[in-house]
Amino acid sequence: MATKSKEISELTLVELEKKIRDTRHELLELRLKKKTGQLEKSHMLKELRRDVARLETAAAAKRKTVTA
């Protein structure tokens, strides 16, 4: 589910914040599955962490342009 930069740039600040919240929730669920030994796709942890970072960066840039 790697989120592309182009997709991210088209989102509004509210949509970005919702996507961040959803992605973090999904990451939490995967971490819990990993701890219980039910996780099959361990590479998804890395992907989701990077997605959160991309989304956070885009949200910070949008917040900066809104306040400036």
PDB file of N, CA and C in Angstrom:
ATOM      1  N   MET A   1       0.815  -1.183   0.000  1.00  0.00           N
ATOM      2  CA  MET A   1       0.000   0.000   0.000  1.00  0.00           C
ATOM      3  C   MET A   1       0.859   1.247   0.000  1.00  0.00           C
ATOM      4  N   ALA A   2       2.031   1.187  -0.548  1.00  0.00           N
ATOM      5  CA  ALA A   2       2.920   2.334  -0.556  1.00  0.00           C
ATOM      6  C   ALA A   2       2.226   3.515  -1.214  1.00  0.00           C
ATOM      7  N   THR A   3       2.184   4.610  -0.484  1.00  0.00           N
ATOM      8  CA  THR A   3       1.522   5.808  -0.969  1.00  0.00           C
ATOM      9  C   THR A   3       2.496   6.610  -1.814  1.00  0.00           C
ATOM     10  N   LYS A   4       2.067   7.000  -2.985  1.00  0.00           N
ATOM     11  CA  LYS A   4       2.911   7.755  -3.904  1.00  0.00           C
ATOM     12  C   LYS A   4       2.918   9.232  -3.529  1.00  0.00           C
ATOM     13  N   SER A   5       4.004   9.920  -3.828  1.00  0.00           N
ATOM     14  CA  SER A   5       4.137  11.334  -3.523  1.00  0.00           C
ATOM     15  C   SER A   5       3.082  12.166  -4.243  1.00  0.00           C
ATOM     16  N   LYS A   6       2.769  11.774  -5.466  1.00  0.00           N
ATOM     17  CA  LYS A   6       1.773  12.520  -6.233  1.00  0.00           C
ATOM     18  C   LYS A   6       0.402  12.424  -5.561  1.00  0.00           C
ATOM     19  N   GLU A   7       0.053  11.228  -5.100  1.00  0.00           N
ATOM     20  CA  GLU A   7      -1.213  11.039  -4.398  1.00  0.00           C
ATOM     21  C   GLU A   7      -1.263  11.888  -3.132  1.00  0.00           C
ATOM     22  N   ILE A   8      -0.165  11.931  -2.420  1.00  0.00           N
ATOM     23  CA  ILE A   8      -0.099  12.677  -1.165  1.00  0.00           C
ATOM     24  C   ILE A   8      -0.255  14.165  -1.411  1.00  0.00           C
ATOM     25  N   SER A   9       0.394  14.677  -2.437  1.00  0.00           N
ATOM     26  CA  SER A   9       0.348  16.118  -2.697  1.00  0.00           C
ATOM     27  C   SER A   9      -1.047  16.590  -3.096  1.00  0.00           C
ATOM     28  N   GLU A  10      -1.878  15.690  -3.598  1.00  0.00           N
ATOM     29  CA  GLU A  10      -3.229  16.054  -4.009  1.00  0.00           C
ATOM     30  C   GLU A  10      -4.215  16.091  -2.841  1.00  0.00           C
ATOM     31  N   LEU A  11      -3.826  15.579  -1.684  1.00  0.00           N
ATOM     32  CA  LEU A  11      -4.720  15.532  -0.530  1.00  0.00           C
ATOM     33  C   LEU A  11      -4.743  16.861   0.214  1.00  0.00           C
ATOM     34  N   THR A  12      -5.883  17.162   0.837  1.00  0.00           N
ATOM     35  CA  THR A  12      -5.980  18.347   1.681  1.00  0.00           C
ATOM     36  C   THR A  12      -5.391  18.024   3.049  1.00  0.00           C
ATOM     37  N   LEU A  13      -5.234  19.041   3.874  1.00  0.00           N
ATOM     38  CA  LEU A  13      -4.656  18.852   5.195  1.00  0.00           C
ATOM     39  C   LEU A  13      -5.536  17.931   6.052  1.00  0.00           C
ATOM     40  N   VAL A  14      -6.834  18.097   5.978  1.00  0.00           N
ATOM     41  CA  VAL A  14      -7.752  17.244   6.745  1.00  0.00           C
ATOM     42  C   VAL A  14      -7.649  15.796   6.273  1.00  0.00           C
ATOM     43  N   GLU A  15      -7.586  15.589   4.971  1.00  0.00           N
ATOM     44  CA  GLU A  15      -7.456  14.237   4.429  1.00  0.00           C
ATOM     45  C   GLU A  15      -6.121  13.619   4.826  1.00  0.00           C
ATOM     46  N   LEU A  16      -5.072  14.432   4.833  1.00  0.00           N
ATOM     47  CA  LEU A  16      -3.752  13.933   5.251  1.00  0.00           C
ATOM     48  C   LEU A  16      -3.791  13.461   6.699  1.00  0.00           C
ATOM     49  N   GLU A  17      -4.401  14.268   7.566  1.00  0.00           N
ATOM     50  CA  GLU A  17      -4.457  13.901   8.980  1.00  0.00           C
ATOM     51  C   GLU A  17      -5.268  12.625   9.188  1.00  0.00           C
ATOM     52  N   LYS A  18      -6.339  12.453   8.441  1.00  0.00           N
ATOM     53  CA  LYS A  18      -7.134  11.222   8.539  1.00  0.00           C
ATOM     54  C   LYS A  18      -6.322  10.031   8.042  1.00  0.00           C
ATOM     55  N   LYS A  19      -5.595  10.215   6.945  1.00  0.00           N
ATOM     56  CA  LYS A  19      -4.782   9.134   6.379  1.00  0.00           C
ATOM     57  C   LYS A  19      -3.654   8.758   7.352  1.00  0.00           C
ATOM     58  N   ILE A  20      -3.063   9.754   8.009  1.00  0.00           N
ATOM     59  CA  ILE A  20      -2.016   9.484   9.003  1.00  0.00           C
ATOM     60  C   ILE A  20      -2.596   8.647  10.137  1.00  0.00           C
ATOM     61  N   ARG A  21      -3.755   9.060  10.634  1.00  0.00           N
ATOM     62  CA  ARG A  21      -4.399   8.337  11.732  1.00  0.00           C
ATOM     63  C   ARG A  21      -4.715   6.892  11.327  1.00  0.00           C
ATOM     64  N   ASP A  22      -5.258   6.714  10.132  1.00  0.00           N
ATOM     65  CA  ASP A  22      -5.598   5.371   9.655  1.00  0.00           C
ATOM     66  C   ASP A  22      -4.351   4.504   9.469  1.00  0.00           C
ATOM     67  N   THR A  23      -3.305   5.100   8.918  1.00  0.00           N
ATOM     68  CA  THR A  23      -2.068   4.348   8.667  1.00  0.00           C
ATOM     69  C   THR A  23      -1.409   3.947   9.986  1.00  0.00           C
ATOM     70  N   ARG A  24      -1.426   4.851  10.960  1.00  0.00           N
ATOM     71  CA  ARG A  24      -0.855   4.508  12.271  1.00  0.00           C
ATOM     72  C   ARG A  24      -1.649   3.400  12.949  1.00  0.00           C
ATOM     73  N   HIS A  25      -2.965   3.436  12.780  1.00  0.00           N
ATOM     74  CA  HIS A  25      -3.798   2.376  13.353  1.00  0.00           C
ATOM     75  C   HIS A  25      -3.476   1.028  12.696  1.00  0.00           C
ATOM     76  N   GLU A  26      -3.325   1.039  11.397  1.00  0.00           N
ATOM     77  CA  GLU A  26      -2.977  -0.187  10.665  1.00  0.00           C
ATOM     78  C   GLU A  26      -1.604  -0.702  11.105  1.00  0.00           C
ATOM     79  N   LEU A  27      -0.663   0.225  11.306  1.00  0.00           N
ATOM     80  CA  LEU A  27       0.672  -0.147  11.770  1.00  0.00           C
ATOM     81  C   LEU A  27       0.608  -0.784  13.160  1.00  0.00           C
ATOM     82  N   LEU A  28      -0.217  -0.225  14.021  1.00  0.00           N
ATOM     83  CA  LEU A  28      -0.394  -0.780  15.362  1.00  0.00           C
ATOM     84  C   LEU A  28      -0.930  -2.207  15.293  1.00  0.00           C
ATOM     85  N   GLU A  29      -1.926  -2.412  14.438  1.00  0.00           N
ATOM     86  CA  GLU A  29      -2.486  -3.753  14.290  1.00  0.00           C
ATOM     87  C   GLU A  29      -1.444  -4.748  13.794  1.00  0.00           C
ATOM     88  N   LEU A  30      -0.612  -4.314  12.848  1.00  0.00           N
ATOM     89  CA  LEU A  30       0.434  -5.209  12.339  1.00  0.00           C
ATOM     90  C   LEU A  30       1.466  -5.529  13.417  1.00  0.00           C
ATOM     91  N   ARG A  31       1.803  -4.538  14.241  1.00  0.00           N
ATOM     92  CA  ARG A  31       2.755  -4.785  15.324  1.00  0.00           C
ATOM     93  C   ARG A  31       2.200  -5.801  16.320  1.00  0.00           C
ATOM     94  N   LEU A  32       0.904  -5.678  16.605  1.00  0.00           N
ATOM     95  CA  LEU A  32       0.285  -6.644  17.521  1.00  0.00           C
ATOM     96  C   LEU A  32       0.293  -8.035  16.917  1.00  0.00           C
ATOM     97  N   LYS A  33       0.006  -8.134  15.623  1.00  0.00           N
ATOM     98  CA  LYS A  33       0.042  -9.438  14.954  1.00  0.00           C
ATOM     99  C   LYS A  33       1.444 -10.024  14.977  1.00  0.00           C
ATOM    100  N   LYS A  34       2.456  -9.155  14.823  1.00  0.00           N
ATOM    101  CA  LYS A  34       3.844  -9.633  14.846  1.00  0.00           C
ATOM    102  C   LYS A  34       4.176 -10.219  16.217  1.00  0.00           C
ATOM    103  N   LYS A  35       3.734  -9.536  17.264  1.00  0.00           N
ATOM    104  CA  LYS A  35       4.018 -10.014  18.618  1.00  0.00           C
ATOM    105  C   LYS A  35       3.355 -11.351  18.909  1.00  0.00           C
ATOM    106  N   THR A  36       2.186 -11.571  18.316  1.00  0.00           N
ATOM    107  CA  THR A  36       1.487 -12.835  18.565  1.00  0.00           C
ATOM    108  C   THR A  36       1.864 -13.904  17.555  1.00  0.00           C
ATOM    109  N   GLY A  37       2.713 -13.568  16.602  1.00  0.00           N
ATOM    110  CA  GLY A  37       3.182 -14.536  15.634  1.00  0.00           C
ATOM    111  C   GLY A  37       2.218 -14.793  14.489  1.00  0.00           C
ATOM    112  N   GLN A  38       1.281 -13.890  14.250  1.00  0.00           N
ATOM    113  CA  GLN A  38       0.287 -14.074  13.197  1.00  0.00           C
ATOM    114  C   GLN A  38       0.607 -13.290  11.930  1.00  0.00           C
ATOM    115  N   LEU A  39       1.674 -12.513  11.938  1.00  0.00           N
ATOM    116  CA  LEU A  39       1.993 -11.649  10.802  1.00  0.00           C
ATOM    117  C   LEU A  39       2.669 -12.443   9.694  1.00  0.00           C
ATOM    118  N   GLU A  40       2.094 -12.374   8.500  1.00  0.00           N
ATOM    119  CA  GLU A  40       2.665 -13.087   7.364  1.00  0.00           C
ATOM    120  C   GLU A  40       3.518 -12.171   6.492  1.00  0.00           C
ATOM    121  N   LYS A  41       3.126 -10.927   6.364  1.00  0.00           N
ATOM    122  CA  LYS A  41       3.841  -9.990   5.495  1.00  0.00           C
ATOM    123  C   LYS A  41       4.603  -8.981   6.356  1.00  0.00           C
ATOM    124  N   SER A  42       5.763  -9.383   6.824  1.00  0.00           N
ATOM    125  CA  SER A  42       6.522  -8.521   7.729  1.00  0.00           C
ATOM    126  C   SER A  42       7.059  -7.267   7.035  1.00  0.00           C
ATOM    127  N   HIS A  43       7.171  -7.293   5.718  1.00  0.00           N
ATOM    128  CA  HIS A  43       7.653  -6.120   4.993  1.00  0.00           C
ATOM    129  C   HIS A  43       6.672  -4.949   5.072  1.00  0.00           C
ATOM    130  N   MET A  44       5.430  -5.234   5.422  1.00  0.00           N
ATOM    131  CA  MET A  44       4.422  -4.176   5.518  1.00  0.00           C
ATOM    132  C   MET A  44       4.732  -3.206   6.663  1.00  0.00           C
ATOM    133  N   LEU A  45       5.401  -3.675   7.702  1.00  0.00           N
ATOM    134  CA  LEU A  45       5.763  -2.793   8.811  1.00  0.00           C
ATOM    135  C   LEU A  45       6.658  -1.657   8.316  1.00  0.00           C
ATOM    136  N   LYS A  46       7.656  -2.011   7.547  1.00  0.00           N
ATOM    137  CA  LYS A  46       8.581  -1.018   7.015  1.00  0.00           C
ATOM    138  C   LYS A  46       7.864  -0.056   6.067  1.00  0.00           C
ATOM    139  N   GLU A  47       7.008  -0.611   5.203  1.00  0.00           N
ATOM    140  CA  GLU A  47       6.263   0.212   4.251  1.00  0.00           C
ATOM    141  C   GLU A  47       5.368   1.218   4.954  1.00  0.00           C
ATOM    142  N   LEU A  48       4.657   0.764   5.963  1.00  0.00           N
ATOM    143  CA  LEU A  48       3.737   1.650   6.676  1.00  0.00           C
ATOM    144  C   LEU A  48       4.479   2.722   7.460  1.00  0.00           C
ATOM    145  N   ARG A  49       5.622   2.353   8.053  1.00  0.00           N
ATOM    146  CA  ARG A  49       6.417   3.362   8.766  1.00  0.00           C
ATOM    147  C   ARG A  49       6.852   4.464   7.814  1.00  0.00           C
ATOM    148  N   ARG A  50       7.266   4.080   6.630  1.00  0.00           N
ATOM    149  CA  ARG A  50       7.702   5.062   5.640  1.00  0.00           C
ATOM    150  C   ARG A  50       6.527   5.885   5.119  1.00  0.00           C
ATOM    151  N   ASP A  51       5.375   5.247   4.968  1.00  0.00           N
ATOM    152  CA  ASP A  51       4.181   5.978   4.547  1.00  0.00           C
ATOM    153  C   ASP A  51       3.816   7.053   5.571  1.00  0.00           C
ATOM    154  N   VAL A  52       3.881   6.698   6.849  1.00  0.00           N
ATOM    155  CA  VAL A  52       3.577   7.664   7.899  1.00  0.00           C
ATOM    156  C   VAL A  52       4.549   8.838   7.815  1.00  0.00           C
ATOM    157  N   ALA A  53       5.811   8.554   7.597  1.00  0.00           N
ATOM    158  CA  ALA A  53       6.808   9.622   7.491  1.00  0.00           C
ATOM    159  C   ALA A  53       6.513  10.532   6.300  1.00  0.00           C
ATOM    160  N   ARG A  54       6.165   9.936   5.154  1.00  0.00           N
ATOM    161  CA  ARG A  54       5.820  10.730   3.972  1.00  0.00           C
ATOM    162  C   ARG A  54       4.604  11.610   4.239  1.00  0.00           C
ATOM    163  N   LEU A  55       3.604  11.032   4.858  1.00  0.00           N
ATOM    164  CA  LEU A  55       2.383  11.773   5.148  1.00  0.00           C
ATOM    165  C   LEU A  55       2.639  12.899   6.144  1.00  0.00           C
ATOM    166  N   GLU A  56       3.421  12.618   7.171  1.00  0.00           N
ATOM    167  CA  GLU A  56       3.754  13.639   8.175  1.00  0.00           C
ATOM    168  C   GLU A  56       4.516  14.795   7.540  1.00  0.00           C
ATOM    169  N   THR A  57       5.447  14.480   6.655  1.00  0.00           N
ATOM    170  CA  THR A  57       6.223  15.512   5.975  1.00  0.00           C
ATOM    171  C   THR A  57       5.322  16.387   5.119  1.00  0.00           C
ATOM    172  N   ALA A  58       4.423  15.770   4.371  1.00  0.00           N
ATOM    173  CA  ALA A  58       3.500  16.527   3.526  1.00  0.00           C
ATOM    174  C   ALA A  58       2.556  17.377   4.363  1.00  0.00           C
ATOM    175  N   ALA A  59       2.083  16.830   5.475  1.00  0.00           N
ATOM    176  CA  ALA A  59       1.176  17.572   6.359  1.00  0.00           C
ATOM    177  C   ALA A  59       1.884  18.773   6.963  1.00  0.00           C
ATOM    178  N   ALA A  60       3.132  18.600   7.355  1.00  0.00           N
ATOM    179  CA  ALA A  60       3.890  19.717   7.928  1.00  0.00           C
ATOM    180  C   ALA A  60       4.097  20.816   6.890  1.00  0.00           C
ATOM    181  N   ALA A  61       4.364  20.429   5.666  1.00  0.00           N
ATOM    182  CA  ALA A  61       4.542  21.420   4.590  1.00  0.00           C
ATOM    183  C   ALA A  61       3.242  22.166   4.331  1.00  0.00           C
ATOM    184  N   LYS A  62       2.126  21.451   4.335  1.00  0.00           N
ATOM    185  CA  LYS A  62       0.826  22.097   4.108  1.00  0.00           C
ATOM    186  C   LYS A  62       0.474  23.023   5.263  1.00  0.00           C
ATOM    187  N   ARG A  63       0.778  22.611   6.498  1.00  0.00           N
ATOM    188  CA  ARG A  63       0.520  23.474   7.650  1.00  0.00           C
ATOM    189  C   ARG A  63       1.338  24.753   7.557  1.00  0.00           C
ATOM    190  N   LYS A  64       2.567  24.613   7.085  1.00  0.00           N
ATOM    191  CA  LYS A  64       3.449  25.776   6.964  1.00  0.00           C
ATOM    192  C   LYS A  64       2.905  26.757   5.935  1.00  0.00           C
ATOM    193  N   THR A  65       2.399  26.242   4.805  1.00  0.00           N
ATOM    194  CA  THR A  65       1.868  27.132   3.770  1.00  0.00           C
ATOM    195  C   THR A  65       0.549  27.764   4.207  1.00  0.00           C
ATOM    196  N   VAL A  66      -0.231  27.066   5.025  1.00  0.00           N
ATOM    197  CA  VAL A  66      -1.502  27.607   5.500  1.00  0.00           C
ATOM    198  C   VAL A  66      -1.266  28.753   6.479  1.00  0.00           C
ATOM    199  N   THR A  67      -0.295  28.580   7.369  1.00  0.00           N
ATOM    200  CA  THR A  67      -0.033  29.615   8.379  1.00  0.00           C
ATOM    201  C   THR A  67       0.766  30.783   7.818  1.00  0.00           C
ATOM    202  N   ALA A  68       1.539  30.549   6.772  1.00  0.00           N
ATOM    203  CA  ALA A  68       2.378  31.620   6.209  1.00  0.00           C
ATOM    204  C   ALA A  68       1.614  32.512   5.268  1.00  0.00           C
TER     205      ALA A  68
END
